Amino acid sequence: MWRDDHIAYQQYSFKMMSQGLADFFFGCSSAGKGTMFRIDTRGSGDLSGFAATSSWTSWAAPASGFTAPSNTWINVVIDIQGSTVTAHATWMGGSQTVSLTGYKPLGTAYAFNGDGLGGGSLTWVSGFQTAKA
């Protein structure tokens, strides 16, 4: 699911629960080239954090970040302040904050992507909101 409101939002917020991983793309071109924030619950070096996207179906994995809890509702707030993006992830019993510097949006499109873990892994999203400055 992707959308382009043609507005440069400065904040995105949503709740997400995953049995694997899911990506939220933002600052993207209409072809999906831009940036994503991933929630990853797999562990073993697979991290939640920021990564570059080449298209809606091609992206890199986060090089740094944290392992999110599986089957737990996580409240995510992504704040964009100039060239710095900060993601705050909170859940019952924990929280993590990660930052990305040198952010340069390539457009105003955003999207959710369930990633490719197969039919045995589900992700839920609720309460999606945007905000301008």
N, C-alpha and C. Protein backbone atom coordinates (compact mmCIF):
# COMPACT_ATOMS: atom_id res chain seq x y z
N MET A 1 0.85 -1.16 0.00
CA MET A 1 0.00 0.00 0.00
C MET A 1 0.89 1.22 0.00
N TRP A 2 0.75 2.09 -0.99
CA TRP A 2 1.51 3.33 -0.98
C TRP A 2 0.60 4.49 -1.33
N ARG A 3 1.04 5.69 -0.93
CA ARG A 3 0.24 6.89 -1.15
C ARG A 3 1.17 8.09 -1.26
N ASP A 4 0.77 9.06 -2.06
CA ASP A 4 1.51 10.31 -2.15
C ASP A 4 0.52 11.46 -2.01
N ASP A 5 0.57 12.14 -0.87
CA ASP A 5 -0.30 13.29 -0.62
C ASP A 5 0.32 14.58 -1.15
N HIS A 6 1.55 14.48 -1.65
CA HIS A 6 2.32 15.64 -2.13
C HIS A 6 2.54 16.66 -1.03
N ILE A 7 2.71 16.15 0.20
CA ILE A 7 2.98 16.96 1.38
C ILE A 7 4.22 16.38 2.06
N ALA A 8 5.16 17.24 2.43
CA ALA A 8 6.35 16.79 3.17
C ALA A 8 6.01 16.75 4.66
N TYR A 9 5.52 15.61 5.11
CA TYR A 9 5.15 15.48 6.53
C TYR A 9 6.40 15.47 7.40
N GLN A 10 6.27 15.97 8.62
CA GLN A 10 7.38 15.96 9.56
C GLN A 10 7.20 14.92 10.65
N GLN A 11 6.06 14.27 10.67
CA GLN A 11 5.86 13.21 11.64
C GLN A 11 4.89 12.17 11.10
N TYR A 12 5.24 10.93 11.35
CA TYR A 12 4.36 9.79 11.07
C TYR A 12 4.25 9.01 12.38
N SER A 13 3.05 8.51 12.67
CA SER A 13 2.90 7.67 13.85
C SER A 13 1.92 6.54 13.54
N PHE A 14 2.17 5.40 14.15
CA PHE A 14 1.33 4.22 13.95
C PHE A 14 1.66 3.19 15.02
N LYS A 15 0.78 2.21 15.15
CA LYS A 15 1.02 1.05 16.01
C LYS A 15 1.21 -0.14 15.07
N MET A 16 2.15 -1.00 15.42
CA MET A 16 2.43 -2.16 14.58
C MET A 16 2.70 -3.38 15.46
N MET A 17 2.18 -4.52 15.04
CA MET A 17 2.49 -5.79 15.68
C MET A 17 2.88 -6.76 14.58
N SER A 18 4.01 -7.44 14.76
CA SER A 18 4.50 -8.32 13.70
C SER A 18 4.96 -9.66 14.26
N GLN A 19 4.82 -10.67 13.43
CA GLN A 19 5.37 -11.99 13.72
C GLN A 19 6.69 -12.18 12.96
N GLY A 20 7.17 -11.13 12.34
CA GLY A 20 8.40 -11.21 11.57
C GLY A 20 9.00 -9.84 11.37
N LEU A 21 8.65 -9.19 10.25
CA LEU A 21 9.13 -7.85 10.00
C LEU A 21 8.20 -7.13 9.05
N ALA A 22 8.26 -5.81 9.13
CA ALA A 22 7.48 -4.96 8.23
C ALA A 22 8.22 -3.64 8.07
N ASP A 23 8.02 -3.00 6.94
CA ASP A 23 8.73 -1.77 6.60
C ASP A 23 7.74 -0.62 6.39
N PHE A 24 8.14 0.57 6.84
CA PHE A 24 7.40 1.79 6.54
C PHE A 24 8.31 2.68 5.71
N PHE A 25 7.93 2.90 4.45
CA PHE A 25 8.69 3.74 3.53
C PHE A 25 8.21 5.18 3.68
N PHE A 26 9.14 6.15 3.56
CA PHE A 26 8.76 7.56 3.62
C PHE A 26 9.80 8.38 2.86
N GLY A 27 9.40 9.60 2.47
CA GLY A 27 10.30 10.45 1.70
C GLY A 27 10.68 9.82 0.37
N CYS A 28 9.74 9.08 -0.21
CA CYS A 28 10.03 8.29 -1.41
C CYS A 28 9.50 8.93 -2.69
N SER A 29 10.13 8.58 -3.79
CA SER A 29 9.61 8.93 -5.11
C SER A 29 8.38 8.06 -5.39
N SER A 30 7.67 8.34 -6.46
CA SER A 30 6.49 7.53 -6.80
C SER A 30 6.87 6.09 -7.13
N ALA A 31 8.14 5.83 -7.40
CA ALA A 31 8.62 4.47 -7.67
C ALA A 31 9.11 3.77 -6.41
N GLY A 32 9.11 4.47 -5.26
CA GLY A 32 9.50 3.85 -4.01
C GLY A 32 10.95 4.04 -3.61
N LYS A 33 11.69 4.87 -4.32
CA LYS A 33 13.08 5.13 -3.96
C LYS A 33 13.11 6.17 -2.85
N GLY A 34 13.79 5.83 -1.74
CA GLY A 34 13.85 6.76 -0.61
C GLY A 34 14.40 6.10 0.63
N THR A 35 13.61 6.15 1.72
CA THR A 35 14.05 5.68 3.04
C THR A 35 12.94 4.84 3.65
N MET A 36 13.34 3.89 4.49
CA MET A 36 12.35 3.12 5.24
C MET A 36 12.79 2.97 6.69
N PHE A 37 11.79 2.74 7.55
CA PHE A 37 12.02 2.32 8.92
C PHE A 37 11.43 0.93 9.05
N ARG A 38 12.25 -0.01 9.50
CA ARG A 38 11.81 -1.41 9.64
C ARG A 38 11.60 -1.77 11.09
N ILE A 39 10.52 -2.51 11.35
CA ILE A 39 10.32 -3.20 12.62
C ILE A 39 10.63 -4.66 12.33
N ASP A 40 11.64 -5.21 13.01
CA ASP A 40 12.08 -6.59 12.79
C ASP A 40 12.10 -7.33 14.12
N THR A 41 11.38 -8.44 14.19
CA THR A 41 11.28 -9.22 15.43
C THR A 41 12.06 -10.53 15.38
N ARG A 42 12.81 -10.77 14.30
CA ARG A 42 13.47 -12.07 14.11
C ARG A 42 14.69 -12.28 14.99
N GLY A 43 15.40 -11.22 15.38
CA GLY A 43 16.63 -11.38 16.16
C GLY A 43 17.76 -11.91 15.29
N SER A 44 18.77 -12.48 15.91
CA SER A 44 19.92 -13.08 15.20
C SER A 44 20.56 -12.12 14.20
N GLY A 45 20.71 -10.85 14.58
CA GLY A 45 21.35 -9.88 13.70
C GLY A 45 20.43 -9.17 12.74
N ASP A 46 19.16 -9.56 12.68
CA ASP A 46 18.18 -8.85 11.86
C ASP A 46 17.61 -7.73 12.72
N LEU A 47 17.79 -6.47 12.27
CA LEU A 47 17.55 -5.33 13.14
C LEU A 47 16.40 -4.44 12.69
N SER A 48 15.76 -3.80 13.66
CA SER A 48 14.82 -2.71 13.40
C SER A 48 15.65 -1.44 13.28
N GLY A 49 15.35 -0.63 12.26
CA GLY A 49 16.09 0.60 12.07
C GLY A 49 15.83 1.18 10.69
N PHE A 50 16.67 2.10 10.26
CA PHE A 50 16.53 2.78 8.98
C PHE A 50 17.36 2.12 7.89
N ALA A 51 16.87 2.19 6.65
CA ALA A 51 17.62 1.68 5.49
C ALA A 51 17.14 2.41 4.24
N ALA A 52 17.94 2.34 3.20
CA ALA A 52 17.59 2.93 1.90
C ALA A 52 16.72 1.98 1.10
N THR A 53 15.85 2.56 0.27
CA THR A 53 15.01 1.77 -0.63
C THR A 53 15.33 2.17 -2.07
N SER A 54 15.32 1.19 -2.96
CA SER A 54 15.54 1.45 -4.40
C SER A 54 14.22 1.53 -5.16
N SER A 55 13.21 0.81 -4.64
CA SER A 55 11.87 0.78 -5.24
C SER A 55 10.92 0.21 -4.20
N TRP A 56 9.64 0.08 -4.57
CA TRP A 56 8.67 -0.51 -3.65
C TRP A 56 8.98 -1.98 -3.39
N THR A 57 9.80 -2.61 -4.21
CA THR A 57 10.09 -4.03 -4.06
C THR A 57 11.57 -4.34 -3.87
N SER A 58 12.40 -3.31 -3.66
CA SER A 58 13.83 -3.53 -3.50
C SER A 58 14.39 -2.55 -2.46
N TRP A 59 15.13 -3.08 -1.48
CA TRP A 59 15.63 -2.25 -0.39
C TRP A 59 16.81 -2.92 0.28
N ALA A 60 17.53 -2.15 1.09
CA ALA A 60 18.61 -2.67 1.92
C ALA A 60 18.04 -2.99 3.30
N ALA A 61 18.80 -3.72 4.10
CA ALA A 61 18.41 -4.00 5.48
C ALA A 61 19.10 -2.98 6.39
N PRO A 62 18.50 -2.66 7.53
CA PRO A 62 19.16 -1.74 8.46
C PRO A 62 20.51 -2.29 8.92
N ALA A 63 21.52 -1.44 8.96
CA ALA A 63 22.85 -1.84 9.41
C ALA A 63 23.01 -1.73 10.92
N SER A 64 22.12 -0.96 11.56
CA SER A 64 22.17 -0.82 13.01
C SER A 64 20.75 -0.64 13.52
N GLY A 65 20.57 -0.88 14.82
CA GLY A 65 19.24 -0.74 15.40
C GLY A 65 19.03 -1.68 16.56
N PHE A 66 17.85 -2.27 16.63
CA PHE A 66 17.46 -3.11 17.77
C PHE A 66 16.54 -4.21 17.29
N THR A 67 16.34 -5.23 18.12
CA THR A 67 15.38 -6.29 17.84
C THR A 67 14.08 -5.95 18.56
N ALA A 68 13.00 -5.86 17.81
CA ALA A 68 11.69 -5.55 18.39
C ALA A 68 11.04 -6.83 18.92
N PRO A 69 10.16 -6.71 19.90
CA PRO A 69 9.48 -7.89 20.42
C PRO A 69 8.41 -8.39 19.45
N SER A 70 8.32 -9.70 19.32
CA SER A 70 7.32 -10.33 18.45
C SER A 70 5.96 -10.35 19.12
N ASN A 71 4.90 -10.32 18.30
CA ASN A 71 3.52 -10.44 18.79
C ASN A 71 3.21 -9.44 19.90
N THR A 72 3.74 -8.22 19.77
CA THR A 72 3.55 -7.16 20.75
C THR A 72 3.22 -5.87 20.01
N TRP A 73 2.20 -5.16 20.46
CA TRP A 73 1.90 -3.87 19.83
C TRP A 73 3.00 -2.88 20.16
N ILE A 74 3.56 -2.28 19.12
CA ILE A 74 4.65 -1.30 19.24
C ILE A 74 4.14 0.02 18.71
N ASN A 75 4.25 1.06 19.52
CA ASN A 75 3.88 2.41 19.09
C ASN A 75 5.12 3.04 18.46
N VAL A 76 5.01 3.48 17.20
CA VAL A 76 6.13 4.05 16.47
C VAL A 76 5.81 5.51 16.15
N VAL A 77 6.75 6.40 16.46
CA VAL A 77 6.66 7.81 16.08
C VAL A 77 7.95 8.15 15.35
N ILE A 78 7.81 8.61 14.11
CA ILE A 78 8.96 9.01 13.29
C ILE A 78 8.91 10.52 13.15
N ASP A 79 9.95 11.20 13.66
CA ASP A 79 10.05 12.65 13.60
C ASP A 79 11.14 13.05 12.61
N ILE A 80 10.83 13.97 11.72
CA ILE A 80 11.79 14.48 10.74
C ILE A 80 12.07 15.94 11.05
N GLN A 81 13.32 16.24 11.34
CA GLN A 81 13.76 17.60 11.63
C GLN A 81 14.94 17.90 10.72
N GLY A 82 14.67 18.54 9.59
CA GLY A 82 15.73 18.83 8.62
C GLY A 82 16.32 17.55 8.07
N SER A 83 17.61 17.33 8.26
CA SER A 83 18.27 16.14 7.73
C SER A 83 18.42 15.04 8.78
N THR A 84 17.73 15.17 9.91
CA THR A 84 17.77 14.15 10.96
C THR A 84 16.38 13.54 11.15
N VAL A 85 16.33 12.23 11.17
CA VAL A 85 15.08 11.50 11.40
C VAL A 85 15.28 10.66 12.65
N THR A 86 14.32 10.72 13.56
CA THR A 86 14.37 9.93 14.78
C THR A 86 13.12 9.07 14.86
N ALA A 87 13.31 7.80 15.15
CA ALA A 87 12.18 6.88 15.35
C ALA A 87 12.16 6.46 16.81
N HIS A 88 11.01 6.66 17.45
CA HIS A 88 10.79 6.24 18.83
C HIS A 88 9.84 5.05 18.78
N ALA A 89 10.27 3.92 19.30
CA ALA A 89 9.44 2.73 19.36
C ALA A 89 9.23 2.38 20.82
N THR A 90 7.96 2.30 21.24
CA THR A 90 7.65 1.98 22.63
C THR A 90 6.64 0.84 22.67
N TRP A 91 6.79 0.00 23.68
CA TRP A 91 5.87 -1.11 23.89
C TRP A 91 5.81 -1.38 25.38
N MET A 92 4.83 -2.15 25.80
CA MET A 92 4.70 -2.45 27.22
C MET A 92 5.99 -3.13 27.70
N GLY A 93 6.68 -2.46 28.61
CA GLY A 93 7.90 -3.03 29.16
C GLY A 93 9.18 -2.63 28.45
N GLY A 94 9.11 -1.76 27.42
CA GLY A 94 10.35 -1.40 26.76
C GLY A 94 10.21 -0.27 25.76
N SER A 95 11.35 0.21 25.31
CA SER A 95 11.38 1.24 24.28
C SER A 95 12.77 1.30 23.67
N GLN A 96 12.83 1.84 22.46
CA GLN A 96 14.09 2.07 21.76
C GLN A 96 13.94 3.32 20.91
N THR A 97 15.04 4.04 20.74
CA THR A 97 15.08 5.19 19.86
C THR A 97 16.28 5.05 18.95
N VAL A 98 16.07 5.27 17.64
CA VAL A 98 17.16 5.24 16.67
C VAL A 98 17.07 6.49 15.82
N SER A 99 18.23 6.94 15.34
CA SER A 99 18.28 8.17 14.53
C SER A 99 19.01 7.92 13.21
N LEU A 100 18.64 8.72 12.23
CA LEU A 100 19.26 8.71 10.91
C LEU A 100 19.68 10.14 10.62
N THR A 101 20.95 10.34 10.30
CA THR A 101 21.42 11.67 9.93
C THR A 101 21.72 11.69 8.43
N GLY A 102 21.71 12.86 7.84
CA GLY A 102 21.96 13.00 6.41
C GLY A 102 20.76 12.63 5.55
N TYR A 103 19.58 12.67 6.13
CA TYR A 103 18.35 12.33 5.40
C TYR A 103 18.08 13.35 4.30
N LYS A 104 17.81 12.85 3.09
CA LYS A 104 17.43 13.69 1.96
C LYS A 104 16.24 13.04 1.28
N PRO A 105 15.05 13.58 1.48
CA PRO A 105 13.87 12.97 0.86
C PRO A 105 13.96 13.03 -0.66
N LEU A 106 13.47 11.97 -1.30
CA LEU A 106 13.45 11.90 -2.76
C LEU A 106 12.05 12.11 -3.31
N GLY A 107 11.10 12.40 -2.43
CA GLY A 107 9.72 12.63 -2.81
C GLY A 107 8.87 12.72 -1.56
N THR A 108 7.55 12.64 -1.74
CA THR A 108 6.63 12.75 -0.61
C THR A 108 5.76 11.50 -0.44
N ALA A 109 6.07 10.43 -1.16
CA ALA A 109 5.29 9.20 -1.06
C ALA A 109 5.68 8.42 0.19
N TYR A 110 4.72 7.65 0.73
CA TYR A 110 4.97 6.78 1.88
C TYR A 110 4.18 5.48 1.68
N ALA A 111 4.60 4.44 2.40
CA ALA A 111 3.97 3.13 2.19
C ALA A 111 4.27 2.19 3.35
N PHE A 112 3.44 1.17 3.48
CA PHE A 112 3.72 0.04 4.36
C PHE A 112 4.00 -1.17 3.48
N ASN A 113 4.98 -1.96 3.89
CA ASN A 113 5.35 -3.16 3.15
C ASN A 113 5.50 -4.29 4.16
N GLY A 114 4.80 -5.40 3.95
CA GLY A 114 4.85 -6.54 4.86
C GLY A 114 6.09 -7.39 4.72
N ASP A 115 6.93 -7.13 3.74
CA ASP A 115 8.16 -7.86 3.48
C ASP A 115 7.87 -9.30 3.09
N GLY A 116 8.90 -10.10 2.83
CA GLY A 116 8.71 -11.40 2.20
C GLY A 116 8.99 -12.59 3.07
N LEU A 117 8.37 -12.70 4.24
CA LEU A 117 8.61 -13.85 5.10
C LEU A 117 7.66 -15.01 4.81
N GLY A 118 6.77 -14.86 3.87
CA GLY A 118 5.88 -15.95 3.52
C GLY A 118 4.56 -15.91 4.26
N GLY A 119 3.71 -16.87 3.98
CA GLY A 119 2.35 -16.91 4.51
C GLY A 119 2.25 -17.17 6.00
N GLY A 120 3.32 -17.64 6.64
CA GLY A 120 3.27 -17.96 8.05
C GLY A 120 3.54 -16.77 8.95
N SER A 121 3.78 -15.61 8.39
CA SER A 121 4.13 -14.43 9.18
C SER A 121 3.15 -13.30 8.86
N LEU A 122 2.55 -12.73 9.90
CA LEU A 122 1.58 -11.66 9.72
C LEU A 122 2.05 -10.39 10.42
N THR A 123 1.60 -9.23 9.91
CA THR A 123 1.87 -7.94 10.52
C THR A 123 0.57 -7.15 10.51
N TRP A 124 0.30 -6.46 11.61
CA TRP A 124 -0.88 -5.62 11.74
C TRP A 124 -0.45 -4.17 11.96
N VAL A 125 -1.18 -3.22 11.36
CA VAL A 125 -0.92 -1.80 11.53
C VAL A 125 -2.24 -1.15 11.94
N SER A 126 -2.15 -0.20 12.88
CA SER A 126 -3.33 0.49 13.37
C SER A 126 -2.99 1.94 13.68
N GLY A 127 -3.98 2.81 13.59
CA GLY A 127 -3.86 4.18 14.04
C GLY A 127 -2.86 5.05 13.29
N PHE A 128 -2.70 4.86 12.00
CA PHE A 128 -1.73 5.64 11.24
C PHE A 128 -2.14 7.11 11.19
N GLN A 129 -1.16 8.00 11.49
CA GLN A 129 -1.40 9.44 11.43
C GLN A 129 -0.18 10.15 10.87
N THR A 130 -0.42 11.32 10.28
CA THR A 130 0.65 12.18 9.77
C THR A 130 0.51 13.55 10.41
N ALA A 131 1.61 14.32 10.40
CA ALA A 131 1.56 15.69 10.91
C ALA A 131 2.56 16.54 10.15
N LYS A 132 2.15 17.79 9.88
CA LYS A 132 3.05 18.79 9.27
C LYS A 132 3.55 19.69 10.39
N ALA A 133 4.57 20.48 10.07
CA ALA A 133 5.11 21.43 11.06
C ALA A 133 4.13 22.55 11.32
